[in-house]
């Protein structure tokens, strides 16, 4: 039952974001509201800029463990020295 409630809440939030985006577009301010996916993409782009400034490299990973827990990982490598 809790899973269904979470899904309904997520769907409701997505619906509200879509409505707000449509209203913002109507009034000429389309960047007023962003979805979670758009926000995540913007943050990753900002991280990529910082990695470039450091002169490093970045890779995206998906990590899973034996319990089924899954997460996204961003790995940044810079100032690599070989001995």
Protein backbone atom coordinates (compact mmCIF):
# COMPACT_ATOMS: atom_id res chain seq x y z
CA UNK A 1 0.00 0.00 0.00
CA UNK A 2 2.86 2.38 0.81
CA UNK A 3 4.36 1.79 -2.63
CA UNK A 4 1.08 2.78 -4.29
CA UNK A 5 0.93 5.96 -2.20
CA UNK A 6 4.51 6.84 -3.21
CA UNK A 7 3.71 6.29 -6.88
CA UNK A 8 0.57 8.41 -6.67
CA UNK A 9 2.53 11.17 -4.98
CA UNK A 10 5.25 10.99 -7.66
CA UNK A 11 2.68 11.08 -10.47
CA UNK A 12 0.90 13.99 -8.81
CA UNK A 13 4.19 15.91 -8.51
CA UNK A 14 5.00 15.26 -12.17
CA UNK A 15 1.53 16.41 -13.18
CA UNK A 16 1.91 19.60 -11.16
CA UNK A 17 5.34 20.30 -12.65
CA UNK A 18 3.92 19.86 -16.17
CA UNK A 19 1.07 22.25 -15.35
CA UNK A 20 3.44 24.85 -13.88
CA UNK A 21 5.72 24.55 -16.94
CA UNK A 22 2.73 25.11 -19.26
CA UNK A 23 1.61 28.14 -17.26
CA UNK A 24 5.16 29.53 -17.22
CA UNK A 25 5.46 29.03 -20.98
CA UNK A 26 2.11 30.81 -21.47
CA UNK A 27 3.39 33.81 -19.52
CA UNK A 28 6.74 33.82 -21.32
CA UNK A 29 9.01 32.44 -18.57
CA UNK A 30 9.60 28.84 -19.70
CA UNK A 31 12.55 28.24 -17.32
CA UNK A 32 10.43 28.87 -14.23
CA UNK A 33 9.91 25.19 -13.40
CA UNK A 34 12.10 22.19 -14.17
CA UNK A 35 11.55 18.48 -13.67
CA UNK A 36 13.80 16.35 -11.46
CA UNK A 37 15.39 14.88 -14.58
CA UNK A 38 16.13 18.33 -16.04
CA UNK A 39 17.57 19.52 -12.74
CA UNK A 40 19.77 16.42 -12.47
CA UNK A 41 21.00 16.97 -16.04
CA UNK A 42 21.84 20.63 -15.29
CA UNK A 43 23.78 19.66 -12.15
CA UNK A 44 25.76 17.01 -14.03
CA UNK A 45 26.60 19.56 -16.74
CA UNK A 46 27.88 21.95 -14.07
CA UNK A 47 30.01 19.17 -12.57
CA UNK A 48 31.44 18.44 -16.04
CA UNK A 49 32.48 22.11 -16.35
CA UNK A 50 34.25 21.92 -12.98
CA UNK A 51 36.01 18.69 -13.99
CA UNK A 52 37.24 20.40 -17.18
CA UNK A 53 38.58 23.30 -15.10
CA UNK A 54 40.45 20.80 -12.93
CA UNK A 55 41.83 19.09 -16.03
CA UNK A 56 40.36 15.79 -14.93
CA UNK A 57 38.07 13.09 -16.21
CA UNK A 58 34.64 12.04 -15.09
CA UNK A 59 32.70 8.82 -15.54
CA UNK A 60 29.15 7.80 -14.64
CA UNK A 61 28.60 4.44 -12.95
CA UNK A 62 25.63 2.50 -11.67
CA UNK A 63 26.40 0.57 -8.51
CA UNK A 64 24.41 -2.44 -7.32
CA UNK A 65 24.81 -4.59 -4.22
CA UNK A 66 23.52 -8.01 -3.20
CA UNK A 67 20.39 -6.58 -1.56
CA UNK A 68 19.21 -5.07 -4.84
CA UNK A 69 20.11 -1.53 -3.81
CA UNK A 70 21.06 0.50 -6.86
CA UNK A 71 22.66 3.92 -7.02
CA UNK A 72 24.31 6.25 -9.49
CA UNK A 73 27.92 7.27 -8.93
CA UNK A 74 29.96 10.04 -10.49
CA UNK A 75 33.70 9.39 -10.30
CA UNK A 76 36.11 12.29 -10.84
CA UNK A 77 39.81 11.74 -11.39
CA UNK A 78 42.33 14.59 -11.49
CA UNK A 79 46.01 15.26 -10.77
CA UNK A 80 46.94 11.73 -11.76
CA UNK A 81 50.61 11.04 -11.05
CA UNK A 82 52.47 7.97 -12.17
CA UNK A 83 55.37 6.83 -10.04
